[in-house]
C-alpha cells in the first residue's frame, strides 16, 4: 500500500504555510502509525494491518483546514489500483452533504 500526498505551493502560500509546515502533521500521523515515508510525500507499507491507518486520512480535510484546498495529489495505491482520494472525498461531500 502506498499513499502519495503533495501540495500546491502557491495555494499553501495563500494560507501562510510552507510545504514543510503542511506536511509536518501528516508525517507525524504516518510515523505514529508505523508507516514510513519512502520519498517526499510518499508513504509506503508492505504488509497487513495498516489499511485502517490509510483510511483514517479521510479525516485530514476536517483536521487541517488547508488540506483539501491545497492538496494537489492525494492518491492511494492499493496493489496497483489507484484511488484518487481528493476527487472521491469531494464526490462524497457533494452527494451526501449538499
Protein backbone atom coordinates (compact mmCIF):
# COMPACT_ATOMS: atom_id res chain seq x y z
CA UNK A 1 0.00 0.00 0.00
CA UNK A 2 1.22 3.43 -0.86
CA UNK A 3 -0.20 6.90 -0.38
CA UNK A 4 1.11 9.97 -2.10
CA UNK A 5 0.30 13.42 -0.74
CA UNK A 6 1.61 16.53 -2.47
CA UNK A 7 0.59 20.14 -2.09
CA UNK A 8 0.28 23.10 -4.43
CA UNK A 9 2.90 25.56 -3.18
CA UNK A 10 1.03 28.64 -4.41
CA UNK A 11 -2.14 27.62 -2.57
CA UNK A 12 -0.17 26.90 0.60
CA UNK A 13 1.32 30.39 0.34
CA UNK A 14 -2.23 31.79 0.43
CA UNK A 15 -2.66 30.03 3.79
CA UNK A 16 0.68 31.32 5.03
CA UNK A 17 2.20 27.84 5.04
CA UNK A 18 5.30 26.25 3.60
CA UNK A 19 5.20 22.74 2.25
CA UNK A 20 7.21 21.56 5.25
CA UNK A 21 4.68 23.08 7.66
CA UNK A 22 1.79 21.47 5.78
CA UNK A 23 3.48 18.07 5.65
CA UNK A 24 4.66 18.02 9.28
CA UNK A 25 1.39 16.81 10.88
CA UNK A 26 0.87 14.32 8.05
CA UNK A 27 4.35 12.90 8.54
CA UNK A 28 3.74 12.71 12.29
CA UNK A 29 0.46 10.85 11.68
CA UNK A 30 2.09 8.21 9.49
CA UNK A 31 5.08 7.91 11.82
CA UNK A 32 2.78 7.23 14.79
CA UNK A 33 1.12 4.50 12.72
CA UNK A 34 4.46 2.91 11.83
CA UNK A 35 4.25 3.77 8.14
CA UNK A 36 7.49 5.15 6.71
CA UNK A 37 7.84 7.98 4.23
CA UNK A 38 9.91 6.45 1.42
CA UNK A 39 10.28 9.70 -0.55
CA UNK A 40 8.84 13.20 -0.23
CA UNK A 41 5.13 12.79 0.42
CA UNK A 42 5.08 9.06 -0.37
CA UNK A 43 4.15 6.73 2.48
CA UNK A 44 4.54 3.00 1.92
CA UNK A 45 3.69 -0.10 3.91
CA UNK A 46 4.17 -3.63 2.65
CA UNK A 47 2.16 -5.90 4.88
CA UNK A 48 -1.13 -6.40 6.66
CA UNK A 49 -2.82 -4.42 9.36
CA UNK A 50 -2.31 -0.84 8.21
CA UNK A 51 -5.30 -0.34 5.91
CA UNK A 52 -7.13 1.40 8.76
CA UNK A 53 -4.35 3.95 9.11
CA UNK A 54 -4.51 4.77 5.41
CA UNK A 55 -8.31 5.01 5.65
CA UNK A 56 -8.02 7.50 8.52
CA UNK A 57 -6.51 10.04 6.14
CA UNK A 58 -10.13 10.79 5.20
CA UNK A 59 -10.15 12.90 8.37
CA UNK A 60 -7.35 15.17 7.10
CA UNK A 61 -9.71 17.71 5.44
CA UNK A 62 -11.50 18.15 8.78
CA UNK A 63 -8.33 18.23 10.87
CA UNK A 64 -6.29 20.54 8.65
CA UNK A 65 -8.30 23.47 7.21
CA UNK A 66 -5.83 24.00 4.37
CA UNK A 67 -5.71 20.35 3.29
CA UNK A 68 -8.47 19.98 0.72
CA UNK A 69 -7.89 23.35 -0.89
CA UNK A 70 -4.13 22.91 -1.14
CA UNK A 71 -3.62 19.20 -1.76
CA UNK A 72 -2.64 18.60 -5.37
CA UNK A 73 -2.12 14.85 -5.18
CA UNK A 74 -3.78 12.58 -2.63
CA UNK A 75 -3.64 9.12 -4.14
CA UNK A 76 -3.86 5.72 -2.52
CA UNK A 77 -2.28 2.84 -4.43
CA UNK A 78 -3.79 -0.47 -3.35
CA UNK A 79 -1.86 -3.16 -5.19
CA UNK A 80 -1.77 -1.15 -8.43
CA UNK A 81 -5.38 0.04 -8.10
CA UNK A 82 -5.22 3.82 -7.66
CA UNK A 83 -7.84 5.64 -5.61
CA UNK A 84 -7.87 9.40 -6.15
CA UNK A 85 -8.80 10.38 -2.62
CA UNK A 86 -9.32 14.10 -3.24
CA UNK A 87 -11.80 13.51 -6.06
CA UNK A 88 -13.54 10.76 -4.10
CA UNK A 89 -13.77 12.93 -0.98
CA UNK A 90 -15.28 15.83 -2.93
CA UNK A 91 -17.76 13.50 -4.63
CA UNK A 92 -18.93 12.10 -1.30
CA UNK A 93 -19.25 15.57 0.18
CA UNK A 94 -21.40 16.72 -2.73
CA UNK A 95 -23.56 13.60 -2.74
CA UNK A 96 -24.28 13.42 0.96
CA UNK A 97 -23.73 16.85 2.43
CA UNK A 98 -25.02 19.29 -0.20
